[in-house]
Amino acid sequence: MTESILINILVIIIGYIAKKIKLFPESTGTVLSRFVIYITLPATILKVFISSALKADLFILPLVSFLFGLIIFLLGLYFLRGLDLDDRLKWTLLIGICGYNVGLFSYPFIKGLYGDEGLLYMAMFDIGNSFIVFGLSYALSLMSENGWSLNKIPYLLKRVFSFFPLQIYIISLVLSSLKINFPEVFTTFVSQLSLPNSTLALFALGYFLDFNLNKSEIKALLYGVLLRFIPGLALALLLRLMGSSLMIKIISIGVLLPAPLVVVIYSNERNLNSKFSSFYVSLTILLGIIFLILFK
């Protein structure tokens, strides 16, 4: 596990250095982030679910991840509404506290700790999380650009449910439930597309990384960390007092995972604060590593 953590951090550092020495064009971060969200991430999602057999009793996991993600969002909405921050930073922070980095961050660690069964449990947790990350967070990014009103709800719902990563989650869930046997050439193709997902996403994160935060951004960073981890820590400790089943372990790890990398992508696409979102995601990854070690 230590080796995986070190490798992930090194990839982020390489992305940061590549930007600093201007190794690639300025648009590289944007191109990479779009490639991840529309190609490699959907392939990773599809790969996990078409190779897993779903069990009915595991559907408590997506329910917990969705409801807890919704609670974190509502807490953020309540505490951030009166915060003295510029609109771009406030929207970025609100998007940043929603959802968890499950697929890119936790899968390698969970595979090493609990094997294929643990990976399936975490994939189920990620189903509910996907509706927060690719549904709610994406809707918030659209609202930051176009504003909010009740008559825009149909537009937002249409955009959210036509968002390719969310569609892939829904399709993958249906296909897995139907227990369809796919030809080997298809599974090999999907697996090949998913291979660079983690590397490209982490590289893009490093490419957007900037350590020159102003006072408002540091203030937002503190609020973002507290809103993300304090409720999760409280739930994780409570669950561990109740037992030590695999489901309890996965939930307690899941609610302490870092912010999803797509926060950086949304911020970049909607002209929000990409610098802040990249630093926020990076910091939550470091804290997430600590919590993962403590609650494994």
C-alpha atoms as a PDB file:
ATOM      1  CA  MET A   1       0.000   0.000   0.000  1.00  0.00           C
ATOM      2  CA  THR A   2       2.853   2.376   0.827  1.00  0.00           C
ATOM      3  CA  GLU A   3       4.286   1.830  -2.651  1.00  0.00           C
ATOM      4  CA  SER A   4       0.937   2.708  -4.295  1.00  0.00           C
ATOM      5  CA  ILE A   5       0.687   5.904  -2.236  1.00  0.00           C
ATOM      6  CA  LEU A   6       4.220   6.949  -3.206  1.00  0.00           C
ATOM      7  CA  ILE A   7       3.582   6.285  -6.897  1.00  0.00           C
ATOM      8  CA  ASN A   8       0.377   8.377  -6.865  1.00  0.00           C
ATOM      9  CA  ILE A   9       2.161  11.298  -5.218  1.00  0.00           C
ATOM     10  CA  LEU A  10       5.049  11.073  -7.692  1.00  0.00           C
ATOM     11  CA  VAL A  11       2.663  11.240 -10.657  1.00  0.00           C
ATOM     12  CA  ILE A  12       1.093  14.412  -9.221  1.00  0.00           C
ATOM     13  CA  ILE A  13       4.569  15.912  -8.754  1.00  0.00           C
ATOM     14  CA  ILE A  14       5.546  15.055 -12.353  1.00  0.00           C
ATOM     15  CA  GLY A  15       2.416  16.814 -13.631  1.00  0.00           C
ATOM     16  CA  TYR A  16       3.263  19.882 -11.546  1.00  0.00           C
ATOM     17  CA  ILE A  17       6.874  19.960 -12.801  1.00  0.00           C
ATOM     18  CA  ALA A  18       5.760  19.523 -16.419  1.00  0.00           C
ATOM     19  CA  LYS A  19       3.619  22.644 -16.104  1.00  0.00           C
ATOM     20  CA  LYS A  20       6.340  24.655 -14.383  1.00  0.00           C
ATOM     21  CA  ILE A  21       8.955  23.924 -17.061  1.00  0.00           C
ATOM     22  CA  LYS A  22       6.350  24.447 -19.811  1.00  0.00           C
ATOM     23  CA  LEU A  23       6.947  21.015 -21.293  1.00  0.00           C
ATOM     24  CA  PHE A  24       3.503  20.986 -22.934  1.00  0.00           C
ATOM     25  CA  PRO A  25       1.091  23.619 -24.323  1.00  0.00           C
ATOM     26  CA  GLU A  26      -1.061  25.582 -21.859  1.00  0.00           C
ATOM     27  CA  SER A  27      -4.182  23.675 -22.935  1.00  0.00           C
ATOM     28  CA  THR A  28      -2.673  20.310 -21.868  1.00  0.00           C
ATOM     29  CA  GLY A  29      -4.494  20.197 -18.515  1.00  0.00           C
ATOM     30  CA  THR A  30      -7.853  20.825 -20.165  1.00  0.00           C
ATOM     31  CA  VAL A  31      -7.275  18.208 -22.876  1.00  0.00           C
ATOM     32  CA  LEU A  32      -6.140  15.570 -20.374  1.00  0.00           C
ATOM     33  CA  SER A  33      -9.038  16.233 -17.999  1.00  0.00           C
ATOM     34  CA  ARG A  34     -11.576  15.859 -20.797  1.00  0.00           C
ATOM     35  CA  PHE A  35      -9.892  12.668 -22.015  1.00  0.00           C
ATOM     36  CA  VAL A  36     -10.161  11.252 -18.497  1.00  0.00           C
ATOM     37  CA  ILE A  37     -13.788  12.154 -17.913  1.00  0.00           C
ATOM     38  CA  TYR A  38     -15.080  11.046 -21.321  1.00  0.00           C
ATOM     39  CA  ILE A  39     -12.808   8.096 -22.171  1.00  0.00           C
ATOM     40  CA  THR A  40     -10.723   6.451 -19.454  1.00  0.00           C
ATOM     41  CA  LEU A  41     -13.022   7.015 -16.456  1.00  0.00           C
ATOM     42  CA  PRO A  42     -16.136   5.584 -18.185  1.00  0.00           C
ATOM     43  CA  ALA A  43     -14.019   2.603 -19.284  1.00  0.00           C
ATOM     44  CA  THR A  44     -12.910   2.051 -15.666  1.00  0.00           C
ATOM     45  CA  ILE A  45     -16.504   2.207 -14.432  1.00  0.00           C
ATOM     46  CA  LEU A  46     -17.661  -0.252 -17.086  1.00  0.00           C
ATOM     47  CA  LYS A  47     -14.774  -2.615 -16.376  1.00  0.00           C
ATOM     48  CA  VAL A  48     -15.563  -2.885 -12.654  1.00  0.00           C
ATOM     49  CA  PHE A  49     -19.259  -3.617 -13.082  1.00  0.00           C
ATOM     50  CA  ILE A  50     -19.227  -6.002 -16.035  1.00  0.00           C
ATOM     51  CA  SER A  51     -16.721  -8.162 -14.158  1.00  0.00           C
ATOM     52  CA  SER A  52     -18.671  -8.184 -10.859  1.00  0.00           C
ATOM     53  CA  ALA A  53     -21.738 -10.082  -9.702  1.00  0.00           C
ATOM     54  CA  LEU A  54     -24.120  -7.860  -7.730  1.00  0.00           C
ATOM     55  CA  LYS A  55     -25.844  -9.083  -4.571  1.00  0.00           C
ATOM     56  CA  ALA A  56     -29.144  -7.670  -3.330  1.00  0.00           C
ATOM     57  CA  ASP A  57     -27.937  -7.154   0.254  1.00  0.00           C
ATOM     58  CA  LEU A  58     -25.126  -4.897  -0.966  1.00  0.00           C
ATOM     59  CA  PHE A  59     -27.504  -2.191  -2.148  1.00  0.00           C
ATOM     60  CA  ILE A  60     -27.352  -0.667   1.348  1.00  0.00           C
ATOM     61  CA  LEU A  61     -23.916   0.655   0.299  1.00  0.00           C
ATOM     62  CA  PRO A  62     -25.052   2.962  -2.544  1.00  0.00           C
ATOM     63  CA  LEU A  63     -27.940   4.142  -0.368  1.00  0.00           C
ATOM     64  CA  VAL A  64     -25.560   5.122   2.441  1.00  0.00           C
ATOM     65  CA  SER A  65     -23.073   6.850   0.129  1.00  0.00           C
ATOM     66  CA  PHE A  66     -25.815   8.825  -1.631  1.00  0.00           C
ATOM     67  CA  LEU A  67     -27.598   9.937   1.543  1.00  0.00           C
ATOM     68  CA  PHE A  68     -24.378  10.838   3.344  1.00  0.00           C
ATOM     69  CA  GLY A  69     -23.136  12.750   0.288  1.00  0.00           C
ATOM     70  CA  LEU A  70     -26.427  14.652   0.274  1.00  0.00           C
ATOM     71  CA  ILE A  71     -26.034  15.474   3.983  1.00  0.00           C
ATOM     72  CA  ILE A  72     -22.522  16.847   3.394  1.00  0.00           C
ATOM     73  CA  PHE A  73     -23.853  19.005   0.548  1.00  0.00           C
ATOM     74  CA  LEU A  74     -26.674  20.418   2.716  1.00  0.00           C
ATOM     75  CA  LEU A  75     -24.224  21.150   5.540  1.00  0.00           C
ATOM     76  CA  GLY A  76     -21.981  22.920   3.046  1.00  0.00           C
ATOM     77  CA  LEU A  77     -24.890  24.914   1.652  1.00  0.00           C
ATOM     78  CA  TYR A  78     -25.834  26.022   5.171  1.00  0.00           C
ATOM     79  CA  PHE A  79     -22.360  26.989   6.378  1.00  0.00           C
ATOM     80  CA  LEU A  80     -21.078  28.528   3.139  1.00  0.00           C
ATOM     81  CA  ARG A  81     -24.018  30.780   2.319  1.00  0.00           C
ATOM     82  CA  GLY A  82     -22.841  33.500   4.707  1.00  0.00           C
ATOM     83  CA  LEU A  83     -19.128  33.034   4.071  1.00  0.00           C
ATOM     84  CA  ASP A  84     -17.341  36.089   2.699  1.00  0.00           C
ATOM     85  CA  LEU A  85     -15.874  34.592  -0.473  1.00  0.00           C
ATOM     86  CA  ASP A  86     -16.093  35.593  -4.121  1.00  0.00           C
ATOM     87  CA  ASP A  87     -18.664  33.675  -6.160  1.00  0.00           C
ATOM     88  CA  ARG A  88     -16.148  31.658  -8.203  1.00  0.00           C
ATOM     89  CA  LEU A  89     -14.396  30.419  -5.059  1.00  0.00           C
ATOM     90  CA  LYS A  90     -17.654  29.709  -3.224  1.00  0.00           C
ATOM     91  CA  TRP A  91     -19.029  27.634  -6.106  1.00  0.00           C
ATOM     92  CA  THR A  92     -15.731  25.752  -6.382  1.00  0.00           C
ATOM     93  CA  LEU A  93     -15.766  24.956  -2.666  1.00  0.00           C
ATOM     94  CA  LEU A  94     -19.396  23.816  -2.722  1.00  0.00           C
ATOM     95  CA  ILE A  95     -18.685  21.500  -5.657  1.00  0.00           C
ATOM     96  CA  GLY A  96     -15.498  20.303  -3.971  1.00  0.00           C
ATOM     97  CA  ILE A  97     -17.149  19.003  -0.797  1.00  0.00           C
ATOM     98  CA  CYS A  98     -19.620  16.857  -2.749  1.00  0.00           C
ATOM     99  CA  GLY A  99     -18.781  13.199  -3.296  1.00  0.00           C
ATOM    100  CA  TYR A 100     -15.699  11.025  -2.931  1.00  0.00           C
ATOM    101  CA  ASN A 101     -12.722   9.907  -4.976  1.00  0.00           C
ATOM    102  CA  VAL A 102     -13.595   6.211  -5.017  1.00  0.00           C
ATOM    103  CA  GLY A 103     -12.472   4.787  -8.354  1.00  0.00           C
ATOM    104  CA  LEU A 104      -9.134   6.549  -8.753  1.00  0.00           C
ATOM    105  CA  PHE A 105      -8.038   6.621  -5.127  1.00  0.00           C
ATOM    106  CA  SER A 106      -9.497   3.699  -3.191  1.00  0.00           C
ATOM    107  CA  TYR A 107      -9.628   0.782  -5.650  1.00  0.00           C
ATOM    108  CA  PRO A 108      -5.888  -0.087  -5.565  1.00  0.00           C
ATOM    109  CA  PHE A 109      -5.814   0.079  -1.755  1.00  0.00           C
ATOM    110  CA  ILE A 110      -9.068  -1.859  -1.230  1.00  0.00           C
ATOM    111  CA  LYS A 111      -7.939  -4.535  -3.678  1.00  0.00           C
ATOM    112  CA  GLY A 112      -4.757  -5.013  -1.651  1.00  0.00           C
ATOM    113  CA  LEU A 113      -6.537  -5.005   1.718  1.00  0.00           C
ATOM    114  CA  TYR A 114      -9.721  -7.000   1.076  1.00  0.00           C
ATOM    115  CA  GLY A 115      -9.324  -8.603  -2.364  1.00  0.00           C
ATOM    116  CA  ASP A 116     -12.039  -8.857  -5.014  1.00  0.00           C
ATOM    117  CA  GLU A 117     -14.848  -9.019  -2.446  1.00  0.00           C
ATOM    118  CA  GLY A 118     -13.750  -5.717  -0.929  1.00  0.00           C
ATOM    119  CA  LEU A 119     -13.464  -4.205  -4.402  1.00  0.00           C
ATOM    120  CA  LEU A 120     -17.059  -5.215  -5.164  1.00  0.00           C
ATOM    121  CA  TYR A 121     -18.266  -3.669  -1.898  1.00  0.00           C
ATOM    122  CA  MET A 122     -16.469  -0.414  -2.680  1.00  0.00           C
ATOM    123  CA  ALA A 123     -17.829  -0.436  -6.236  1.00  0.00           C
ATOM    124  CA  MET A 124     -21.324  -0.694  -4.780  1.00  0.00           C
ATOM    125  CA  PHE A 125     -20.568   2.233  -2.469  1.00  0.00           C
ATOM    126  CA  ASP A 126     -19.481   4.129  -5.570  1.00  0.00           C
ATOM    127  CA  ILE A 127     -22.881   3.702  -7.251  1.00  0.00           C
ATOM    128  CA  GLY A 128     -24.549   6.103  -4.833  1.00  0.00           C
ATOM    129  CA  ASN A 129     -21.488   8.311  -4.884  1.00  0.00           C
ATOM    130  CA  SER A 130     -21.674   8.559  -8.681  1.00  0.00           C
ATOM    131  CA  PHE A 131     -25.060  10.298  -8.472  1.00  0.00           C
ATOM    132  CA  ILE A 132     -23.455  12.890  -6.193  1.00  0.00           C
ATOM    133  CA  VAL A 133     -20.259  13.350  -8.233  1.00  0.00           C
ATOM    134  CA  PHE A 134     -21.722  13.092 -11.750  1.00  0.00           C
ATOM    135  CA  GLY A 135     -25.211  14.307 -10.862  1.00  0.00           C
ATOM    136  CA  LEU A 136     -25.300  16.848  -8.038  1.00  0.00           C
ATOM    137  CA  SER A 137     -21.750  18.202  -8.472  1.00  0.00           C
ATOM    138  CA  TYR A 138     -22.175  18.466 -12.227  1.00  0.00           C
ATOM    139  CA  ALA A 139     -25.514  20.262 -11.757  1.00  0.00           C
ATOM    140  CA  LEU A 140     -23.828  22.701  -9.364  1.00  0.00           C
ATOM    141  CA  SER A 141     -21.122  23.403 -11.947  1.00  0.00           C
ATOM    142  CA  LEU A 142     -23.834  24.197 -14.502  1.00  0.00           C
ATOM    143  CA  MET A 143     -25.626  26.435 -12.012  1.00  0.00           C
ATOM    144  CA  SER A 144     -22.404  28.335 -11.327  1.00  0.00           C
ATOM    145  CA  GLU A 145     -22.311  29.217 -15.015  1.00  0.00           C
ATOM    146  CA  ASN A 146     -25.984  29.831 -15.757  1.00  0.00           C
ATOM    147  CA  GLY A 147     -27.500  30.770 -12.404  1.00  0.00           C
ATOM    148  CA  TRP A 148     -30.384  29.084 -10.634  1.00  0.00           C
ATOM    149  CA  SER A 149     -34.166  29.285 -10.894  1.00  0.00           C
ATOM    150  CA  LEU A 150     -37.034  26.792 -10.698  1.00  0.00           C
ATOM    151  CA  ASN A 151     -37.748  27.010 -14.422  1.00  0.00           C
ATOM    152  CA  LYS A 152     -34.217  25.756 -15.100  1.00  0.00           C
ATOM    153  CA  ILE A 153     -34.818  22.407 -13.361  1.00  0.00           C
ATOM    154  CA  PRO A 154     -35.819  20.589 -16.604  1.00  0.00           C
ATOM    155  CA  TYR A 155     -32.690  21.959 -18.301  1.00  0.00           C
ATOM    156  CA  LEU A 156     -30.456  20.845 -15.409  1.00  0.00           C
ATOM    157  CA  LEU A 157     -32.007  17.368 -15.284  1.00  0.00           C
ATOM    158  CA  LYS A 158     -31.596  16.980 -19.029  1.00  0.00           C
ATOM    159  CA  ARG A 159     -27.928  18.013 -18.863  1.00  0.00           C
ATOM    160  CA  VAL A 160     -27.205  15.801 -15.844  1.00  0.00           C
ATOM    161  CA  PHE A 161     -28.786  12.650 -17.262  1.00  0.00           C
ATOM    162  CA  SER A 162     -27.143  13.225 -20.643  1.00  0.00           C
ATOM    163  CA  PHE A 163     -23.748  13.516 -18.930  1.00  0.00           C
ATOM    164  CA  PHE A 164     -21.761  10.577 -20.287  1.00  0.00           C
ATOM    165  CA  PRO A 165     -20.038   9.344 -17.075  1.00  0.00           C
ATOM    166  CA  LEU A 166     -23.388   9.177 -15.244  1.00  0.00           C
ATOM    167  CA  GLN A 167     -24.979   7.378 -18.186  1.00  0.00           C
ATOM    168  CA  ILE A 168     -22.145   4.844 -18.086  1.00  0.00           C
ATOM    169  CA  TYR A 169     -22.787   4.180 -14.384  1.00  0.00           C
ATOM    170  CA  ILE A 170     -26.476   3.547 -15.031  1.00  0.00           C
ATOM    171  CA  ILE A 171     -25.775   1.366 -18.075  1.00  0.00           C
ATOM    172  CA  SER A 172     -23.069  -0.580 -16.222  1.00  0.00           C
ATOM    173  CA  LEU A 173     -25.402  -1.209 -13.287  1.00  0.00           C
ATOM    174  CA  VAL A 174     -28.141  -2.512 -15.592  1.00  0.00           C
ATOM    175  CA  LEU A 175     -25.743  -4.734 -17.540  1.00  0.00           C
ATOM    176  CA  SER A 176     -24.278  -6.164 -14.345  1.00  0.00           C
ATOM    177  CA  SER A 177     -27.748  -6.837 -12.932  1.00  0.00           C
ATOM    178  CA  LEU A 178     -28.717  -8.698 -16.114  1.00  0.00           C
ATOM    179  CA  LYS A 179     -25.573 -10.851 -15.760  1.00  0.00           C
ATOM    180  CA  ILE A 180     -24.687 -10.526 -19.433  1.00  0.00           C
ATOM    181  CA  ASN A 181     -21.603 -12.418 -20.577  1.00  0.00           C
ATOM    182  CA  PHE A 182     -19.566 -10.171 -22.833  1.00  0.00           C
ATOM    183  CA  PRO A 183     -17.153 -11.476 -25.450  1.00  0.00           C
ATOM    184  CA  GLU A 184     -13.526 -11.457 -24.422  1.00  0.00           C
ATOM    185  CA  VAL A 185     -12.581  -8.963 -27.122  1.00  0.00           C
ATOM    186  CA  PHE A 186     -14.985  -6.417 -25.602  1.00  0.00           C
ATOM    187  CA  THR A 187     -13.775  -6.858 -22.020  1.00  0.00           C
ATOM    188  CA  THR A 188     -10.164  -6.672 -23.213  1.00  0.00           C
ATOM    189  CA  PHE A 189     -10.902  -3.469 -25.134  1.00  0.00           C
ATOM    190  CA  VAL A 190     -12.588  -1.839 -22.108  1.00  0.00           C
ATOM    191  CA  SER A 191      -9.751  -2.964 -19.843  1.00  0.00           C
ATOM    192  CA  GLN A 192      -7.169  -1.485 -22.219  1.00  0.00           C
ATOM    193  CA  LEU A 193      -8.959   1.879 -22.288  1.00  0.00           C
ATOM    194  CA  SER A 194      -9.115   1.972 -18.483  1.00  0.00           C
ATOM    195  CA  LEU A 195      -5.393   1.321 -17.925  1.00  0.00           C
ATOM    196  CA  PRO A 196      -4.127   4.938 -18.098  1.00  0.00           C
ATOM    197  CA  ASN A 197      -7.061   6.364 -16.117  1.00  0.00           C
ATOM    198  CA  SER A 198      -5.394   6.825 -12.745  1.00  0.00           C
ATOM    199  CA  THR A 199      -2.090   8.049 -14.205  1.00  0.00           C
ATOM    200  CA  LEU A 200      -3.685  10.627 -16.504  1.00  0.00           C
ATOM    201  CA  ALA A 201      -6.062  11.898 -13.809  1.00  0.00           C
ATOM    202  CA  LEU A 202      -3.279  12.335 -11.258  1.00  0.00           C
ATOM    203  CA  PHE A 203      -1.012  13.962 -13.860  1.00  0.00           C
ATOM    204  CA  ALA A 204      -3.794  16.434 -14.739  1.00  0.00           C
ATOM    205  CA  LEU A 205      -4.247  17.161 -11.041  1.00  0.00           C
ATOM    206  CA  GLY A 206      -0.554  18.002 -10.725  1.00  0.00           C
ATOM    207  CA  TYR A 207      -0.770  20.124 -13.873  1.00  0.00           C
ATOM    208  CA  PHE A 208      -3.451  22.331 -12.291  1.00  0.00           C
ATOM    209  CA  LEU A 209      -1.714  22.434  -8.897  1.00  0.00           C
ATOM    210  CA  ASP A 210      -0.705  25.868  -7.609  1.00  0.00           C
ATOM    211  CA  PHE A 211       0.582  26.584  -4.098  1.00  0.00           C
ATOM    212  CA  ASN A 212       0.092  30.373  -4.243  1.00  0.00           C
ATOM    213  CA  LEU A 213      -3.175  30.611  -2.310  1.00  0.00           C
ATOM    214  CA  ASN A 214      -4.459  33.953  -1.053  1.00  0.00           C
ATOM    215  CA  LYS A 215      -6.144  34.517   2.328  1.00  0.00           C
ATOM    216  CA  SER A 216      -9.658  33.858   0.999  1.00  0.00           C
ATOM    217  CA  GLU A 217      -8.536  30.588  -0.585  1.00  0.00           C
ATOM    218  CA  ILE A 218      -6.824  29.464   2.628  1.00  0.00           C
ATOM    219  CA  LYS A 219     -10.015  30.275   4.547  1.00  0.00           C
ATOM    220  CA  ALA A 220     -12.072  28.298   2.032  1.00  0.00           C
ATOM    221  CA  LEU A 221      -9.588  25.424   2.273  1.00  0.00           C
ATOM    222  CA  LEU A 222     -10.060  25.203   6.044  1.00  0.00           C
ATOM    223  CA  TYR A 223     -13.858  25.173   5.733  1.00  0.00           C
ATOM    224  CA  GLY A 224     -13.689  22.600   2.945  1.00  0.00           C
ATOM    225  CA  VAL A 225     -11.517  20.202   4.944  1.00  0.00           C
ATOM    226  CA  LEU A 226     -13.661  20.505   8.085  1.00  0.00           C
ATOM    227  CA  LEU A 227     -16.944  20.047   6.187  1.00  0.00           C
ATOM    228  CA  ARG A 228     -15.609  17.025   4.332  1.00  0.00           C
ATOM    229  CA  PHE A 229     -13.920  15.106   7.132  1.00  0.00           C
ATOM    230  CA  ILE A 230     -15.586  15.916  10.485  1.00  0.00           C
ATOM    231  CA  PRO A 231     -19.003  14.342   9.654  1.00  0.00           C
ATOM    232  CA  GLY A 232     -17.236  11.378   7.994  1.00  0.00           C
ATOM    233  CA  LEU A 233     -14.960  10.881  10.967  1.00  0.00           C
ATOM    234  CA  ALA A 234     -17.919  10.928  13.366  1.00  0.00           C
ATOM    235  CA  LEU A 235     -19.794   8.305  11.304  1.00  0.00           C
ATOM    236  CA  ALA A 236     -16.705   6.116  10.848  1.00  0.00           C
ATOM    237  CA  LEU A 237     -15.969   6.062  14.592  1.00  0.00           C
ATOM    238  CA  LEU A 238     -19.611   5.268  15.406  1.00  0.00           C
ATOM    239  CA  LEU A 239     -19.697   2.400  12.914  1.00  0.00           C
ATOM    240  CA  ARG A 240     -16.449   0.887  14.181  1.00  0.00           C
ATOM    241  CA  LEU A 241     -17.941   0.816  17.692  1.00  0.00           C
ATOM    242  CA  MET A 242     -20.853  -1.210  16.284  1.00  0.00           C
ATOM    243  CA  GLY A 243     -18.784  -3.945  14.641  1.00  0.00           C
ATOM    244  CA  SER A 244     -16.045  -4.910  12.201  1.00  0.00           C
ATOM    245  CA  SER A 245     -17.834  -6.522   9.265  1.00  0.00           C
ATOM    246  CA  LEU A 246     -16.540  -5.864   5.752  1.00  0.00           C
ATOM    247  CA  MET A 247     -19.543  -3.654   5.019  1.00  0.00           C
ATOM    248  CA  ILE A 248     -18.832  -1.492   8.085  1.00  0.00           C
ATOM    249  CA  LYS A 249     -15.158  -1.246   7.126  1.00  0.00           C
ATOM    250  CA  ILE A 250     -15.989  -0.176   3.569  1.00  0.00           C
ATOM    251  CA  ILE A 251     -18.489   2.471   4.695  1.00  0.00           C
ATOM    252  CA  SER A 252     -16.133   3.876   7.343  1.00  0.00           C
ATOM    253  CA  ILE A 253     -13.346   4.097   4.752  1.00  0.00           C
ATOM    254  CA  GLY A 254     -15.690   5.417   2.053  1.00  0.00           C
ATOM    255  CA  VAL A 255     -16.959   8.434   4.003  1.00  0.00           C
ATOM    256  CA  LEU A 256     -13.358   9.537   4.658  1.00  0.00           C
ATOM    257  CA  LEU A 257     -12.136   9.373   1.066  1.00  0.00           C
ATOM    258  CA  PRO A 258     -10.704  12.519  -0.590  1.00  0.00           C
ATOM    259  CA  ALA A 259     -12.498  14.889  -2.933  1.00  0.00           C
ATOM    260  CA  PRO A 260     -13.062  13.547  -6.470  1.00  0.00           C
ATOM    261  CA  LEU A 261     -10.655  14.602  -9.202  1.00  0.00           C
ATOM    262  CA  VAL A 262     -13.551  15.722 -11.409  1.00  0.00           C
ATOM    263  CA  VAL A 263     -13.830  18.800  -9.160  1.00  0.00           C
ATOM    264  CA  VAL A 264     -10.733  20.105 -10.942  1.00  0.00           C
ATOM    265  CA  ILE A 265     -12.254  19.252 -14.318  1.00  0.00           C
ATOM    266  CA  TYR A 266     -15.572  20.974 -13.535  1.00  0.00           C
ATOM    267  CA  SER A 267     -13.733  24.018 -12.219  1.00  0.00           C
ATOM    268  CA  ASN A 268     -11.629  24.266 -15.347  1.00  0.00           C
ATOM    269  CA  GLU A 269     -14.572  23.790 -17.728  1.00  0.00           C
ATOM    270  CA  ARG A 270     -16.780  26.387 -15.969  1.00  0.00           C
ATOM    271  CA  ASN A 271     -14.011  28.949 -15.454  1.00  0.00           C
ATOM    272  CA  LEU A 272     -14.131  28.593 -11.671  1.00  0.00           C
ATOM    273  CA  ASN A 273     -11.098  28.484  -9.362  1.00  0.00           C
ATOM    274  CA  SER A 274      -9.008  25.625 -10.809  1.00  0.00           C
ATOM    275  CA  LYS A 275      -6.009  26.591  -8.677  1.00  0.00           C
ATOM    276  CA  PHE A 276      -7.994  26.207  -5.461  1.00  0.00           C
ATOM    277  CA  SER A 277      -9.758  23.010  -6.539  1.00  0.00           C
ATOM    278  CA  SER A 278      -6.462  21.342  -7.447  1.00  0.00           C
ATOM    279  CA  PHE A 279      -4.859  22.245  -4.112  1.00  0.00           C
ATOM    280  CA  TYR A 280      -8.004  21.180  -2.232  1.00  0.00           C
ATOM    281  CA  VAL A 281      -8.122  17.786  -3.951  1.00  0.00           C
ATOM    282  CA  SER A 282      -4.395  17.249  -3.352  1.00  0.00           C
ATOM    283  CA  LEU A 283      -4.690  18.081   0.354  1.00  0.00           C
ATOM    284  CA  THR A 284      -7.715  15.805   0.820  1.00  0.00           C
ATOM    285  CA  ILE A 285      -5.778  12.996  -0.890  1.00  0.00           C
ATOM    286  CA  LEU A 286      -3.001  13.335   1.699  1.00  0.00           C
ATOM    287  CA  LEU A 287      -5.543  13.377   4.553  1.00  0.00           C
ATOM    288  CA  GLY A 288      -7.468  10.516   2.934  1.00  0.00           C
ATOM    289  CA  ILE A 289      -4.312   8.397   2.944  1.00  0.00           C
ATOM    290  CA  ILE A 290      -3.957   8.951   6.692  1.00  0.00           C
ATOM    291  CA  PHE A 291      -7.597   8.030   7.381  1.00  0.00           C
ATOM    292  CA  LEU A 292      -7.389   4.980   5.132  1.00  0.00           C
ATOM    293  CA  ILE A 293      -4.399   3.691   7.113  1.00  0.00           C
ATOM    294  CA  LEU A 294      -6.185   4.364  10.430  1.00  0.00           C
ATOM    295  CA  PHE A 295      -9.495   2.738   9.465  1.00  0.00           C
ATOM    296  CA  LYS A 296      -8.291  -0.160   7.295  1.00  0.00           C
END
